[in-house]
């Protein structure tokens, strides 16, 4: 996690797996079903597709200091399949900034999946309190994607 000025945090996590890029791509672009396997994602709905550009409405929800916290974002994603790249940015939502990417690369023994996120909370959102949640969520999201990809790859 990198701490940037004005409460901005940049996080990155990478995973190496035997699962092929094509299966990871299928999982990550299954926008209407992401909430079925990504923890703390309450809803995920594809609202627009225009070529390589998609818009997805998502609501995340979790317990924080005994309170239920939820945030909504309308994300615009650029799908660049030849490069194994899904770039996203918030166009509307409960953060001042929410953007990043999923990058998939073929490796001789499988693939790598890199998830990067830059986030800036809304005014009044104590970034210090959510730093640990962000770090935990980043890795749990990555593992949830891998678990779903493994399930689909094995034909379950």
N, C-alpha and C. Protein backbone atom coordinates (compact mmCIF):
# COMPACT_ATOMS: atom_id res chain seq x y z
N UNK A 1 0.85 -1.17 0.00
CA UNK A 1 0.00 0.00 0.00
C UNK A 1 0.89 1.23 0.00
N UNK A 2 0.57 2.15 -0.87
CA UNK A 2 1.30 3.41 -0.97
C UNK A 2 0.38 4.53 -0.49
N UNK A 3 0.88 5.34 0.43
CA UNK A 3 0.11 6.47 0.95
C UNK A 3 0.48 7.72 0.16
N UNK A 4 -0.49 8.29 -0.51
CA UNK A 4 -0.29 9.49 -1.32
C UNK A 4 -0.98 10.66 -0.62
N UNK A 5 -0.69 11.90 -1.04
CA UNK A 5 -1.30 13.07 -0.41
C UNK A 5 -2.83 13.07 -0.50
N UNK A 6 -3.47 13.80 0.40
CA UNK A 6 -4.91 14.04 0.42
C UNK A 6 -5.73 12.76 0.62
N UNK A 7 -5.18 11.83 1.40
CA UNK A 7 -5.92 10.61 1.72
C UNK A 7 -6.04 9.62 0.58
N UNK A 8 -5.22 9.75 -0.44
CA UNK A 8 -5.24 8.81 -1.57
C UNK A 8 -4.38 7.61 -1.21
N UNK A 9 -4.89 6.42 -1.52
CA UNK A 9 -4.14 5.19 -1.30
C UNK A 9 -4.07 4.42 -2.60
N UNK A 10 -2.87 3.90 -2.86
CA UNK A 10 -2.67 3.07 -4.05
C UNK A 10 -2.24 1.70 -3.56
N UNK A 11 -2.96 0.68 -4.00
CA UNK A 11 -2.71 -0.68 -3.56
C UNK A 11 -2.52 -1.58 -4.77
N UNK A 12 -1.72 -2.61 -4.59
CA UNK A 12 -1.54 -3.58 -5.66
C UNK A 12 -1.30 -4.95 -5.04
N UNK A 13 -1.82 -5.96 -5.69
CA UNK A 13 -1.59 -7.34 -5.26
C UNK A 13 -1.54 -8.21 -6.51
N UNK A 14 -0.66 -9.21 -6.48
CA UNK A 14 -0.48 -10.08 -7.64
C UNK A 14 -0.59 -11.53 -7.22
N UNK A 15 -1.11 -12.32 -8.13
CA UNK A 15 -1.31 -13.74 -7.90
C UNK A 15 -0.78 -14.51 -9.10
N UNK A 16 -0.10 -15.61 -8.84
CA UNK A 16 0.30 -16.54 -9.90
C UNK A 16 -0.55 -17.78 -9.75
N UNK A 17 -1.06 -18.28 -10.87
CA UNK A 17 -1.98 -19.42 -10.82
C UNK A 17 -1.81 -20.28 -12.07
N UNK A 18 -2.24 -21.52 -11.97
CA UNK A 18 -2.21 -22.42 -13.13
C UNK A 18 -3.37 -22.16 -14.08
N UNK A 19 -4.34 -21.38 -13.65
CA UNK A 19 -5.55 -21.11 -14.44
C UNK A 19 -5.21 -20.23 -15.65
N UNK A 20 -5.68 -20.59 -16.84
CA UNK A 20 -5.37 -19.78 -18.03
C UNK A 20 -6.04 -18.41 -18.02
N UNK A 21 -5.42 -17.47 -18.70
CA UNK A 21 -5.93 -16.10 -18.81
C UNK A 21 -7.36 -16.09 -19.32
N UNK A 22 -7.69 -16.95 -20.27
CA UNK A 22 -9.04 -16.95 -20.85
C UNK A 22 -10.11 -17.19 -19.79
N UNK A 23 -9.83 -18.03 -18.81
CA UNK A 23 -10.80 -18.30 -17.75
C UNK A 23 -10.87 -17.13 -16.77
N UNK A 24 -9.72 -16.55 -16.43
CA UNK A 24 -9.71 -15.37 -15.56
C UNK A 24 -10.51 -14.23 -16.21
N UNK A 25 -10.32 -14.05 -17.51
CA UNK A 25 -11.03 -13.00 -18.25
C UNK A 25 -12.54 -13.25 -18.20
N UNK A 26 -12.94 -14.50 -18.41
CA UNK A 26 -14.36 -14.86 -18.39
C UNK A 26 -14.97 -14.51 -17.02
N UNK A 27 -14.25 -14.79 -15.95
CA UNK A 27 -14.74 -14.51 -14.59
C UNK A 27 -14.85 -13.00 -14.36
N UNK A 28 -13.79 -12.28 -14.68
CA UNK A 28 -13.76 -10.84 -14.40
C UNK A 28 -14.75 -10.03 -15.23
N UNK A 29 -15.13 -10.55 -16.40
CA UNK A 29 -16.07 -9.82 -17.25
C UNK A 29 -17.50 -10.35 -17.12
N UNK A 30 -17.73 -11.19 -16.15
CA UNK A 30 -19.08 -11.70 -15.86
C UNK A 30 -19.75 -10.71 -14.89
N UNK A 31 -19.92 -9.47 -15.36
CA UNK A 31 -20.30 -8.34 -14.51
C UNK A 31 -21.58 -8.55 -13.71
N UNK A 32 -22.57 -9.18 -14.31
CA UNK A 32 -23.86 -9.37 -13.62
C UNK A 32 -23.80 -10.43 -12.52
N UNK A 33 -22.68 -11.15 -12.41
CA UNK A 33 -22.59 -12.21 -11.40
C UNK A 33 -21.42 -12.04 -10.44
N UNK A 34 -20.69 -10.94 -10.53
CA UNK A 34 -19.54 -10.73 -9.65
C UNK A 34 -19.94 -10.76 -8.18
N UNK A 35 -21.14 -10.27 -7.87
CA UNK A 35 -21.59 -10.23 -6.48
C UNK A 35 -21.85 -11.62 -5.91
N UNK A 36 -21.88 -12.63 -6.75
CA UNK A 36 -22.09 -14.01 -6.27
C UNK A 36 -20.85 -14.59 -5.61
N UNK A 37 -19.67 -14.08 -5.98
CA UNK A 37 -18.45 -14.69 -5.43
C UNK A 37 -17.43 -13.70 -4.87
N UNK A 38 -17.62 -12.40 -5.09
CA UNK A 38 -16.69 -11.43 -4.51
C UNK A 38 -17.24 -10.96 -3.16
N UNK A 39 -16.46 -11.18 -2.10
CA UNK A 39 -16.93 -10.81 -0.76
C UNK A 39 -17.23 -9.31 -0.67
N UNK A 40 -18.21 -8.97 0.10
CA UNK A 40 -18.61 -7.58 0.37
C UNK A 40 -19.15 -6.83 -0.84
N UNK A 41 -19.35 -7.51 -1.96
CA UNK A 41 -19.99 -6.89 -3.11
C UNK A 41 -21.46 -7.30 -3.09
N UNK A 42 -22.34 -6.34 -2.79
CA UNK A 42 -23.77 -6.65 -2.64
C UNK A 42 -24.48 -6.79 -3.98
N UNK A 43 -24.16 -5.89 -4.91
CA UNK A 43 -24.76 -5.97 -6.24
C UNK A 43 -23.73 -5.57 -7.30
N UNK A 44 -23.92 -6.13 -8.48
CA UNK A 44 -23.09 -5.79 -9.64
C UNK A 44 -23.97 -5.96 -10.87
N UNK A 45 -24.12 -4.90 -11.62
CA UNK A 45 -25.03 -4.92 -12.77
C UNK A 45 -24.42 -4.20 -13.97
N UNK A 46 -24.37 -4.91 -15.09
CA UNK A 46 -23.93 -4.30 -16.34
C UNK A 46 -25.03 -3.37 -16.81
N UNK A 47 -24.72 -2.08 -16.99
CA UNK A 47 -25.75 -1.13 -17.40
C UNK A 47 -25.54 -0.61 -18.82
N UNK A 48 -24.34 -0.80 -19.39
CA UNK A 48 -24.07 -0.32 -20.75
C UNK A 48 -22.92 -1.10 -21.34
N UNK A 49 -23.05 -1.45 -22.61
CA UNK A 49 -21.93 -2.02 -23.35
C UNK A 49 -21.87 -1.30 -24.69
N UNK A 50 -20.69 -0.76 -25.00
CA UNK A 50 -20.46 -0.08 -26.27
C UNK A 50 -19.06 -0.48 -26.74
N UNK A 51 -19.00 -1.57 -27.50
CA UNK A 51 -17.70 -2.07 -27.95
C UNK A 51 -16.88 -2.54 -26.77
N UNK A 52 -15.67 -1.97 -26.62
CA UNK A 52 -14.77 -2.35 -25.53
C UNK A 52 -15.05 -1.59 -24.24
N UNK A 53 -16.02 -0.68 -24.27
CA UNK A 53 -16.35 0.12 -23.09
C UNK A 53 -17.62 -0.41 -22.45
N UNK A 54 -17.54 -0.64 -21.15
CA UNK A 54 -18.73 -1.08 -20.41
C UNK A 54 -18.89 -0.20 -19.18
N UNK A 55 -20.12 -0.11 -18.73
CA UNK A 55 -20.42 0.57 -17.46
C UNK A 55 -21.12 -0.43 -16.55
N UNK A 56 -20.65 -0.47 -15.31
CA UNK A 56 -21.15 -1.42 -14.33
C UNK A 56 -21.47 -0.67 -13.05
N UNK A 57 -22.67 -0.91 -12.54
CA UNK A 57 -23.10 -0.32 -11.27
C UNK A 57 -22.86 -1.35 -10.18
N UNK A 58 -22.11 -0.95 -9.15
CA UNK A 58 -21.80 -1.87 -8.06
C UNK A 58 -22.07 -1.21 -6.71
N UNK A 59 -22.51 -2.04 -5.76
CA UNK A 59 -22.67 -1.61 -4.37
C UNK A 59 -21.90 -2.58 -3.50
N UNK A 60 -21.02 -2.03 -2.69
CA UNK A 60 -20.27 -2.83 -1.74
C UNK A 60 -20.78 -2.53 -0.34
N UNK A 61 -20.71 -3.53 0.52
CA UNK A 61 -21.22 -3.37 1.88
C UNK A 61 -20.39 -4.21 2.83
N UNK A 62 -20.06 -3.65 4.00
CA UNK A 62 -19.31 -4.41 4.99
C UNK A 62 -19.44 -3.79 6.37
N UNK A 63 -19.09 -4.57 7.37
CA UNK A 63 -19.07 -4.10 8.75
C UNK A 63 -17.75 -3.37 9.00
N UNK A 64 -17.83 -2.21 9.63
CA UNK A 64 -16.64 -1.46 9.98
C UNK A 64 -16.91 -0.81 11.33
N UNK A 65 -16.15 -1.18 12.34
CA UNK A 65 -16.33 -0.67 13.70
C UNK A 65 -17.75 -0.89 14.20
N UNK A 66 -18.31 -2.04 13.87
CA UNK A 66 -19.64 -2.39 14.33
C UNK A 66 -20.78 -1.75 13.56
N UNK A 67 -20.46 -0.97 12.55
CA UNK A 67 -21.48 -0.31 11.73
C UNK A 67 -21.45 -0.89 10.32
N UNK A 68 -22.60 -0.93 9.67
CA UNK A 68 -22.67 -1.39 8.29
C UNK A 68 -22.38 -0.19 7.40
N UNK A 69 -21.37 -0.31 6.57
CA UNK A 69 -20.96 0.75 5.65
C UNK A 69 -21.19 0.25 4.24
N UNK A 70 -21.84 1.06 3.41
CA UNK A 70 -21.98 0.66 2.01
C UNK A 70 -21.61 1.83 1.11
N UNK A 71 -21.13 1.48 -0.06
CA UNK A 71 -20.71 2.49 -1.04
C UNK A 71 -21.14 2.02 -2.42
N UNK A 72 -21.57 2.97 -3.22
CA UNK A 72 -22.01 2.68 -4.59
C UNK A 72 -21.06 3.36 -5.56
N UNK A 73 -20.78 2.65 -6.66
CA UNK A 73 -19.95 3.23 -7.73
C UNK A 73 -20.52 2.84 -9.09
N UNK A 74 -20.47 3.77 -10.00
CA UNK A 74 -20.72 3.47 -11.41
C UNK A 74 -19.35 3.47 -12.06
N UNK A 75 -18.92 2.29 -12.49
CA UNK A 75 -17.59 2.15 -13.07
C UNK A 75 -17.67 2.10 -14.58
N UNK A 76 -16.70 2.74 -15.21
CA UNK A 76 -16.52 2.59 -16.66
C UNK A 76 -15.27 1.76 -16.85
N UNK A 77 -15.41 0.68 -17.59
CA UNK A 77 -14.29 -0.22 -17.83
C UNK A 77 -13.94 -0.25 -19.30
N UNK A 78 -12.65 -0.35 -19.56
CA UNK A 78 -12.14 -0.55 -20.91
C UNK A 78 -11.61 -1.98 -20.97
N UNK A 79 -12.19 -2.78 -21.86
CA UNK A 79 -11.76 -4.17 -22.02
C UNK A 79 -10.76 -4.24 -23.17
N UNK A 80 -9.53 -4.60 -22.86
CA UNK A 80 -8.49 -4.74 -23.87
C UNK A 80 -8.01 -6.19 -23.83
N UNK A 81 -8.83 -7.08 -24.39
CA UNK A 81 -8.57 -8.51 -24.32
C UNK A 81 -7.19 -8.90 -24.87
N UNK A 82 -6.74 -8.36 -26.03
CA UNK A 82 -5.42 -8.77 -26.54
C UNK A 82 -4.29 -8.52 -25.54
N UNK A 83 -4.45 -7.50 -24.69
CA UNK A 83 -3.42 -7.18 -23.69
C UNK A 83 -3.76 -7.77 -22.32
N UNK A 84 -4.89 -8.47 -22.20
CA UNK A 84 -5.29 -9.01 -20.91
C UNK A 84 -5.52 -7.93 -19.88
N UNK A 85 -6.09 -6.80 -20.31
CA UNK A 85 -6.22 -5.63 -19.44
C UNK A 85 -7.67 -5.18 -19.31
N UNK A 86 -8.10 -5.03 -18.08
CA UNK A 86 -9.39 -4.42 -17.75
C UNK A 86 -9.09 -3.18 -16.91
N UNK A 87 -9.25 -2.03 -17.51
CA UNK A 87 -8.98 -0.78 -16.81
C UNK A 87 -10.32 -0.20 -16.36
N UNK A 88 -10.42 0.28 -15.11
CA UNK A 88 -11.68 0.83 -14.63
C UNK A 88 -11.47 2.16 -13.92
N UNK A 89 -12.54 2.97 -13.95
CA UNK A 89 -12.54 4.24 -13.22
C UNK A 89 -13.98 4.57 -12.85
N UNK A 90 -14.12 5.19 -11.71
CA UNK A 90 -15.44 5.59 -11.25
C UNK A 90 -15.88 6.83 -12.01
N UNK A 91 -17.09 6.78 -12.57
CA UNK A 91 -17.65 7.97 -13.22
C UNK A 91 -18.66 8.66 -12.31
N UNK A 92 -19.16 7.90 -11.33
CA UNK A 92 -20.09 8.46 -10.35
C UNK A 92 -20.06 7.53 -9.14
N UNK A 93 -20.14 8.12 -7.94
CA UNK A 93 -20.17 7.24 -6.78
C UNK A 93 -19.79 7.91 -5.49
N UNK A 94 -19.59 7.09 -4.48
CA UNK A 94 -19.40 7.54 -3.11
C UNK A 94 -17.94 7.77 -2.72
N UNK A 95 -17.04 7.76 -3.69
CA UNK A 95 -15.63 8.06 -3.43
C UNK A 95 -15.26 9.31 -4.23
N UNK A 96 -14.18 9.97 -3.81
CA UNK A 96 -13.69 11.07 -4.64
C UNK A 96 -12.89 10.50 -5.81
N UNK A 97 -12.28 9.34 -5.57
CA UNK A 97 -11.49 8.70 -6.63
C UNK A 97 -11.52 7.19 -6.40
N UNK A 98 -11.74 6.44 -7.47
CA UNK A 98 -11.76 4.99 -7.42
C UNK A 98 -11.42 4.51 -8.82
N UNK A 99 -10.21 4.03 -9.00
CA UNK A 99 -9.77 3.61 -10.34
C UNK A 99 -8.66 2.57 -10.22
N UNK A 100 -8.48 1.82 -11.26
CA UNK A 100 -7.43 0.81 -11.24
C UNK A 100 -7.52 -0.11 -12.44
N UNK A 101 -6.99 -1.31 -12.26
CA UNK A 101 -6.98 -2.26 -13.37
C UNK A 101 -6.78 -3.68 -12.87
N UNK A 102 -7.19 -4.59 -13.72
CA UNK A 102 -6.87 -6.01 -13.61
C UNK A 102 -6.00 -6.32 -14.82
N UNK A 103 -4.82 -6.89 -14.59
CA UNK A 103 -3.93 -7.24 -15.70
C UNK A 103 -3.60 -8.72 -15.64
N UNK A 104 -3.85 -9.40 -16.75
CA UNK A 104 -3.60 -10.83 -16.84
C UNK A 104 -2.48 -11.09 -17.84
N UNK A 105 -1.56 -11.99 -17.46
CA UNK A 105 -0.45 -12.33 -18.35
C UNK A 105 -0.29 -13.84 -18.39
N UNK A 106 -0.03 -14.36 -19.58
CA UNK A 106 0.29 -15.78 -19.72
C UNK A 106 1.71 -16.01 -19.20
N UNK A 107 1.86 -17.11 -18.48
CA UNK A 107 3.17 -17.56 -18.01
C UNK A 107 3.36 -18.99 -18.49
N UNK A 108 4.59 -19.47 -18.54
CA UNK A 108 4.80 -20.85 -18.98
C UNK A 108 4.01 -21.86 -18.15
N UNK A 109 3.85 -21.60 -16.86
CA UNK A 109 3.16 -22.55 -15.99
C UNK A 109 1.74 -22.13 -15.65
N UNK A 110 1.17 -21.16 -16.39
CA UNK A 110 -0.19 -20.69 -16.12
C UNK A 110 -0.34 -19.23 -16.45
N UNK A 111 -0.63 -18.43 -15.41
CA UNK A 111 -0.83 -17.00 -15.64
C UNK A 111 -0.59 -16.21 -14.36
N UNK A 112 -0.50 -14.91 -14.53
CA UNK A 112 -0.45 -14.02 -13.37
C UNK A 112 -1.61 -13.05 -13.49
N UNK A 113 -2.10 -12.63 -12.33
CA UNK A 113 -3.20 -11.68 -12.26
C UNK A 113 -2.77 -10.58 -11.31
N UNK A 114 -2.73 -9.35 -11.81
CA UNK A 114 -2.34 -8.20 -11.01
C UNK A 114 -3.55 -7.28 -10.87
N UNK A 115 -3.86 -6.93 -9.64
CA UNK A 115 -4.99 -6.04 -9.34
C UNK A 115 -4.41 -4.79 -8.71
N UNK A 116 -4.68 -3.65 -9.33
CA UNK A 116 -4.21 -2.36 -8.81
C UNK A 116 -5.42 -1.48 -8.56
N UNK A 117 -5.38 -0.73 -7.46
CA UNK A 117 -6.48 0.16 -7.10
C UNK A 117 -5.93 1.43 -6.51
N UNK A 118 -6.45 2.56 -6.99
CA UNK A 118 -6.18 3.86 -6.39
C UNK A 118 -7.50 4.38 -5.88
N UNK A 119 -7.56 4.71 -4.60
CA UNK A 119 -8.82 5.12 -3.99
C UNK A 119 -8.61 6.33 -3.10
N UNK A 120 -9.60 7.22 -3.13
CA UNK A 120 -9.65 8.39 -2.25
C UNK A 120 -11.06 8.45 -1.70
N UNK A 121 -11.15 8.34 -0.38
CA UNK A 121 -12.46 8.35 0.26
C UNK A 121 -13.16 9.68 0.11
N UNK A 122 -14.46 9.66 0.37
CA UNK A 122 -15.22 10.90 0.33
C UNK A 122 -14.88 11.73 1.56
N UNK A 123 -15.24 12.99 1.54
CA UNK A 123 -14.99 13.86 2.68
C UNK A 123 -15.64 13.27 3.92
N UNK A 124 -14.92 13.29 5.01
CA UNK A 124 -15.45 12.75 6.25
C UNK A 124 -15.21 11.26 6.42
N UNK A 125 -14.68 10.59 5.39
CA UNK A 125 -14.38 9.17 5.50
C UNK A 125 -12.95 9.04 6.02
N UNK A 126 -12.76 8.56 7.24
CA UNK A 126 -11.41 8.47 7.81
C UNK A 126 -10.60 7.36 7.14
N UNK A 127 -9.69 7.77 6.27
CA UNK A 127 -8.93 6.81 5.46
C UNK A 127 -8.11 5.87 6.34
N UNK A 128 -7.63 6.37 7.46
CA UNK A 128 -6.85 5.53 8.36
C UNK A 128 -7.63 4.33 8.85
N UNK A 129 -8.92 4.51 9.09
CA UNK A 129 -9.76 3.42 9.58
C UNK A 129 -10.04 2.37 8.51
N UNK A 130 -10.03 2.79 7.25
CA UNK A 130 -10.38 1.82 6.20
C UNK A 130 -9.15 1.24 5.49
N UNK A 131 -7.95 1.71 5.85
CA UNK A 131 -6.74 1.19 5.20
C UNK A 131 -6.63 -0.32 5.33
N UNK A 132 -6.81 -0.83 6.54
CA UNK A 132 -6.68 -2.26 6.74
C UNK A 132 -7.76 -3.02 5.98
N UNK A 133 -8.99 -2.48 5.97
CA UNK A 133 -10.07 -3.11 5.22
C UNK A 133 -9.72 -3.15 3.74
N UNK A 134 -9.17 -2.05 3.21
CA UNK A 134 -8.79 -2.00 1.80
C UNK A 134 -7.77 -3.09 1.49
N UNK A 135 -6.77 -3.20 2.34
CA UNK A 135 -5.72 -4.19 2.12
C UNK A 135 -6.31 -5.60 2.16
N UNK A 136 -7.14 -5.88 3.17
CA UNK A 136 -7.76 -7.20 3.29
C UNK A 136 -8.67 -7.49 2.10
N UNK A 137 -9.49 -6.49 1.72
CA UNK A 137 -10.43 -6.68 0.62
C UNK A 137 -9.71 -6.94 -0.70
N UNK A 138 -8.60 -6.25 -0.92
CA UNK A 138 -7.86 -6.43 -2.17
C UNK A 138 -7.43 -7.89 -2.33
N UNK A 139 -6.84 -8.45 -1.28
CA UNK A 139 -6.38 -9.82 -1.42
C UNK A 139 -7.55 -10.81 -1.40
N UNK A 140 -8.60 -10.55 -0.61
CA UNK A 140 -9.74 -11.49 -0.60
C UNK A 140 -10.46 -11.44 -1.95
N UNK A 141 -10.55 -10.27 -2.59
CA UNK A 141 -11.16 -10.19 -3.92
C UNK A 141 -10.36 -10.99 -4.95
N UNK A 142 -9.06 -10.86 -4.88
CA UNK A 142 -8.19 -11.59 -5.81
C UNK A 142 -8.35 -13.10 -5.62
N UNK A 143 -8.38 -13.55 -4.38
CA UNK A 143 -8.53 -14.97 -4.11
C UNK A 143 -9.93 -15.47 -4.50
N UNK A 144 -10.94 -14.62 -4.34
CA UNK A 144 -12.30 -15.00 -4.73
C UNK A 144 -12.39 -15.18 -6.25
N UNK A 145 -11.72 -14.31 -6.99
CA UNK A 145 -11.69 -14.44 -8.45
C UNK A 145 -10.97 -15.74 -8.83
N UNK A 146 -9.86 -16.03 -8.17
CA UNK A 146 -9.13 -17.26 -8.47
C UNK A 146 -9.99 -18.48 -8.14
N UNK A 147 -10.67 -18.46 -7.01
CA UNK A 147 -11.50 -19.60 -6.61
C UNK A 147 -12.63 -19.84 -7.62
N UNK A 148 -13.30 -18.76 -8.07
CA UNK A 148 -14.36 -18.89 -9.05
C UNK A 148 -13.80 -19.38 -10.39
N UNK A 149 -12.62 -18.86 -10.78
CA UNK A 149 -11.99 -19.29 -12.02
C UNK A 149 -11.62 -20.78 -11.94
N UNK A 150 -11.11 -21.19 -10.80
CA UNK A 150 -10.76 -22.61 -10.61
C UNK A 150 -12.01 -23.49 -10.72
N UNK A 151 -13.12 -23.04 -10.13
CA UNK A 151 -14.38 -23.78 -10.20
C UNK A 151 -14.83 -23.92 -11.66
N UNK A 152 -14.78 -22.83 -12.42
CA UNK A 152 -15.23 -22.87 -13.83
C UNK A 152 -14.27 -23.70 -14.67
N UNK A 153 -12.99 -23.60 -14.39
CA UNK A 153 -11.97 -24.30 -15.17
C UNK A 153 -12.09 -25.81 -14.99
N UNK A 154 -12.44 -26.21 -13.75
CA UNK A 154 -12.57 -27.65 -13.48
C UNK A 154 -13.94 -28.19 -13.92
N UNK A 155 -14.83 -27.30 -14.37
CA UNK A 155 -16.11 -27.73 -14.90
C UNK A 155 -17.20 -27.95 -13.87
N UNK A 156 -16.99 -27.42 -12.66
CA UNK A 156 -18.03 -27.58 -11.60
C UNK A 156 -19.25 -26.73 -11.89
